[in-house]
Amino acid sequence: MSLARKLMLSPVLVAQAMLTRRRAPLLPEAQGPREGQLGSGAKALRILMTGDSSAAGVGVMTQEHAFAGHFTRTLYRRSG
């Protein structure tokens, strides 16, 4: 899209963005500890999760059900 068209549409795009922001629900982050350890041994892995709602566990009740919980348990099972 050309710059001229973007500038002509900018008032509509800004209005849409503001309306979406007002209508979007604010969901709480998942409850539970944000750190932990699975297994033991000399070959320990440290994992740092960064990101937005996926990393924070928005939309589930506990961190155990969030992406980080599933990812670490699956990694632990597959690595032995």
N, C-alpha and C. Protein backbone atom coordinates (compact mmCIF):
# COMPACT_ATOMS: atom_id res chain seq x y z
N MET A 1 0.85 -1.17 0.00
CA MET A 1 0.00 0.00 0.00
C MET A 1 0.89 1.23 0.00
N SER A 2 0.52 2.21 -0.77
CA SER A 2 1.33 3.42 -0.88
C SER A 2 1.20 4.28 0.38
N LEU A 3 2.16 5.15 0.55
CA LEU A 3 2.17 6.04 1.70
C LEU A 3 0.95 6.96 1.69
N ALA A 4 0.56 7.43 0.52
CA ALA A 4 -0.60 8.32 0.42
C ALA A 4 -1.87 7.62 0.90
N ARG A 5 -2.05 6.37 0.51
CA ARG A 5 -3.23 5.62 0.95
C ARG A 5 -3.20 5.38 2.45
N LYS A 6 -2.03 5.08 2.97
CA LYS A 6 -1.90 4.87 4.42
C LYS A 6 -2.27 6.14 5.19
N LEU A 7 -1.81 7.26 4.68
CA LEU A 7 -2.12 8.53 5.35
C LEU A 7 -3.61 8.85 5.27
N MET A 8 -4.23 8.54 4.13
CA MET A 8 -5.67 8.78 4.00
C MET A 8 -6.47 7.88 4.94
N LEU A 9 -6.01 6.66 5.12
CA LEU A 9 -6.73 5.71 5.98
C LEU A 9 -6.37 5.82 7.46
N SER A 10 -5.37 6.59 7.79
CA SER A 10 -4.90 6.63 9.18
C SER A 10 -5.98 6.99 10.20
N PRO A 11 -6.88 7.94 9.95
CA PRO A 11 -7.93 8.19 10.96
C PRO A 11 -8.81 6.96 11.22
N VAL A 12 -9.13 6.22 10.17
CA VAL A 12 -9.95 5.02 10.33
C VAL A 12 -9.17 3.96 11.10
N LEU A 13 -7.90 3.77 10.76
CA LEU A 13 -7.08 2.77 11.43
C LEU A 13 -6.88 3.09 12.91
N VAL A 14 -6.68 4.36 13.22
CA VAL A 14 -6.52 4.76 14.62
C VAL A 14 -7.82 4.52 15.38
N ALA A 15 -8.95 4.86 14.79
CA ALA A 15 -10.25 4.63 15.44
C ALA A 15 -10.48 3.14 15.68
N GLN A 16 -10.16 2.31 14.71
CA GLN A 16 -10.30 0.87 14.87
C GLN A 16 -9.40 0.35 15.98
N ALA A 17 -8.19 0.83 16.03
CA ALA A 17 -7.25 0.40 17.07
C ALA A 17 -7.76 0.78 18.46
N MET A 18 -8.27 1.99 18.61
CA MET A 18 -8.78 2.44 19.92
C MET A 18 -10.01 1.64 20.33
N LEU A 19 -10.88 1.33 19.40
CA LEU A 19 -12.07 0.55 19.70
C LEU A 19 -11.70 -0.88 20.09
N THR A 20 -10.77 -1.45 19.37
CA THR A 20 -10.31 -2.80 19.71
C THR A 20 -9.68 -2.82 21.09
N ARG A 21 -8.90 -1.83 21.40
CA ARG A 21 -8.24 -1.76 22.72
C ARG A 21 -9.27 -1.69 23.84
N ARG A 22 -10.35 -0.92 23.62
CA ARG A 22 -11.39 -0.80 24.65
C ARG A 22 -12.19 -2.08 24.82
N ARG A 23 -12.42 -2.80 23.73
CA ARG A 23 -13.25 -4.00 23.77
C ARG A 23 -12.50 -5.25 24.20
N ALA A 24 -11.20 -5.26 24.06
CA ALA A 24 -10.42 -6.47 24.36
C ALA A 24 -10.47 -6.76 25.87
N PRO A 25 -10.79 -8.00 26.24
CA PRO A 25 -10.85 -8.33 27.66
C PRO A 25 -9.44 -8.38 28.28
N LEU A 26 -9.36 -7.99 29.53
CA LEU A 26 -8.10 -8.08 30.26
C LEU A 26 -8.15 -9.33 31.12
N LEU A 27 -7.37 -10.33 30.75
CA LEU A 27 -7.37 -11.60 31.46
C LEU A 27 -6.21 -11.64 32.45
N PRO A 28 -6.41 -12.27 33.60
CA PRO A 28 -5.33 -12.35 34.59
C PRO A 28 -4.29 -13.39 34.18
N GLU A 29 -3.10 -13.22 34.71
CA GLU A 29 -2.04 -14.21 34.50
C GLU A 29 -2.34 -15.44 35.33
N ALA A 30 -1.75 -16.56 34.95
CA ALA A 30 -1.93 -17.81 35.67
C ALA A 30 -1.30 -17.73 37.05
N GLN A 31 -1.92 -18.38 38.01
CA GLN A 31 -1.41 -18.43 39.37
C GLN A 31 -0.36 -19.53 39.50
N GLY A 32 0.46 -19.42 40.51
CA GLY A 32 1.43 -20.48 40.79
C GLY A 32 2.86 -19.99 40.67
N PRO A 33 3.78 -20.85 41.07
CA PRO A 33 5.19 -20.45 41.05
C PRO A 33 5.69 -20.25 39.62
N ARG A 34 6.58 -19.29 39.46
CA ARG A 34 7.13 -18.97 38.15
C ARG A 34 8.51 -19.59 37.94
N GLU A 35 8.93 -20.37 38.90
CA GLU A 35 10.21 -21.06 38.76
C GLU A 35 10.11 -22.42 39.42
N GLY A 36 11.00 -23.31 39.03
CA GLY A 36 10.96 -24.64 39.61
C GLY A 36 12.06 -25.50 39.02
N GLN A 37 12.04 -26.76 39.40
CA GLN A 37 13.07 -27.70 38.95
C GLN A 37 12.44 -29.06 38.75
N LEU A 38 12.82 -29.71 37.67
CA LEU A 38 12.39 -31.08 37.39
C LEU A 38 13.64 -31.95 37.36
N GLY A 39 13.65 -33.01 38.11
CA GLY A 39 14.79 -33.94 38.10
C GLY A 39 16.00 -33.37 38.82
N SER A 40 17.13 -34.07 38.65
CA SER A 40 18.38 -33.63 39.26
C SER A 40 19.52 -34.19 38.42
N GLY A 41 20.73 -33.77 38.73
CA GLY A 41 21.89 -34.29 38.01
C GLY A 41 22.80 -33.18 37.53
N ALA A 42 23.92 -33.60 36.95
CA ALA A 42 24.94 -32.65 36.52
C ALA A 42 24.57 -31.97 35.20
N LYS A 43 23.70 -32.58 34.40
CA LYS A 43 23.36 -32.02 33.10
C LYS A 43 22.07 -31.19 33.15
N ALA A 44 21.98 -30.34 34.10
CA ALA A 44 20.78 -29.53 34.27
C ALA A 44 20.70 -28.47 33.17
N LEU A 45 19.48 -28.21 32.72
CA LEU A 45 19.22 -27.14 31.77
C LEU A 45 18.50 -26.02 32.48
N ARG A 46 18.84 -24.81 32.14
CA ARG A 46 18.10 -23.65 32.65
C ARG A 46 17.35 -23.05 31.49
N ILE A 47 16.08 -22.80 31.69
CA ILE A 47 15.23 -22.26 30.63
C ILE A 47 14.67 -20.93 31.10
N LEU A 48 14.75 -19.94 30.25
CA LEU A 48 14.17 -18.63 30.52
C LEU A 48 13.06 -18.40 29.51
N MET A 49 11.85 -18.21 30.01
CA MET A 49 10.71 -17.93 29.14
C MET A 49 10.50 -16.43 29.11
N THR A 50 10.50 -15.88 27.93
CA THR A 50 10.18 -14.46 27.77
C THR A 50 9.07 -14.34 26.74
N GLY A 51 8.37 -13.28 26.81
CA GLY A 51 7.30 -13.09 25.84
C GLY A 51 6.13 -12.33 26.41
N ASP A 52 5.00 -12.56 25.84
CA ASP A 52 3.81 -11.82 26.23
C ASP A 52 2.84 -12.73 26.98
N SER A 53 1.62 -12.77 26.56
CA SER A 53 0.60 -13.52 27.28
C SER A 53 0.86 -15.02 27.29
N SER A 54 1.47 -15.54 26.26
CA SER A 54 1.77 -16.97 26.23
C SER A 54 2.76 -17.35 27.32
N ALA A 55 3.78 -16.56 27.50
CA ALA A 55 4.79 -16.83 28.52
C ALA A 55 4.22 -16.61 29.92
N ALA A 56 3.30 -15.67 30.06
CA ALA A 56 2.73 -15.37 31.37
C ALA A 56 1.63 -16.34 31.78
N GLY A 57 1.11 -17.09 30.83
CA GLY A 57 0.07 -18.06 31.15
C GLY A 57 -1.32 -17.46 31.17
N VAL A 58 -1.54 -16.40 30.42
CA VAL A 58 -2.87 -15.78 30.39
C VAL A 58 -3.85 -16.74 29.74
N GLY A 59 -4.99 -16.91 30.39
CA GLY A 59 -6.04 -17.77 29.84
C GLY A 59 -6.16 -19.12 30.52
N VAL A 60 -5.22 -19.46 31.40
CA VAL A 60 -5.32 -20.72 32.15
C VAL A 60 -5.27 -20.40 33.64
N MET A 61 -5.69 -21.35 34.44
CA MET A 61 -5.77 -21.09 35.88
C MET A 61 -4.40 -21.12 36.58
N THR A 62 -3.56 -22.09 36.22
CA THR A 62 -2.28 -22.25 36.91
C THR A 62 -1.13 -22.34 35.92
N GLN A 63 0.08 -22.07 36.41
CA GLN A 63 1.27 -22.15 35.58
C GLN A 63 1.50 -23.58 35.08
N GLU A 64 1.01 -24.54 35.82
CA GLU A 64 1.13 -25.94 35.42
C GLU A 64 0.45 -26.20 34.07
N HIS A 65 -0.63 -25.48 33.80
CA HIS A 65 -1.37 -25.65 32.55
C HIS A 65 -0.93 -24.67 31.47
N ALA A 66 -0.05 -23.76 31.81
CA ALA A 66 0.43 -22.76 30.85
C ALA A 66 1.49 -23.37 29.93
N PHE A 67 1.88 -22.62 28.92
CA PHE A 67 2.88 -23.09 27.97
C PHE A 67 4.17 -23.51 28.66
N ALA A 68 4.64 -22.71 29.60
CA ALA A 68 5.91 -23.02 30.27
C ALA A 68 5.83 -24.36 31.00
N GLY A 69 4.72 -24.64 31.65
CA GLY A 69 4.56 -25.91 32.35
C GLY A 69 4.57 -27.09 31.41
N HIS A 70 3.81 -26.99 30.33
CA HIS A 70 3.78 -28.08 29.35
C HIS A 70 5.14 -28.26 28.68
N PHE A 71 5.76 -27.17 28.32
CA PHE A 71 7.05 -27.24 27.63
C PHE A 71 8.12 -27.90 28.50
N THR A 72 8.23 -27.48 29.75
CA THR A 72 9.28 -28.03 30.61
C THR A 72 9.03 -29.50 30.93
N ARG A 73 7.79 -29.89 31.16
CA ARG A 73 7.50 -31.31 31.43
C ARG A 73 7.78 -32.17 30.20
N THR A 74 7.42 -31.70 29.02
CA THR A 74 7.68 -32.46 27.79
C THR A 74 9.18 -32.56 27.54
N LEU A 75 9.90 -31.48 27.73
CA LEU A 75 11.35 -31.50 27.55
C LEU A 75 12.01 -32.47 28.53
N TYR A 76 11.54 -32.47 29.76
CA TYR A 76 12.07 -33.37 30.78
C TYR A 76 11.83 -34.83 30.40
N ARG A 77 10.61 -35.16 29.97
CA ARG A 77 10.28 -36.53 29.59
C ARG A 77 11.09 -36.99 28.38
N ARG A 78 11.25 -36.13 27.40
CA ARG A 78 11.95 -36.53 26.17
C ARG A 78 13.47 -36.58 26.34
N SER A 79 14.00 -35.84 27.29
CA SER A 79 15.46 -35.81 27.46
C SER A 79 15.93 -36.92 28.41
N GLY A 80 15.01 -37.53 29.13
CA GLY A 80 15.38 -38.62 30.04
C GLY A 80 15.89 -38.04 31.32
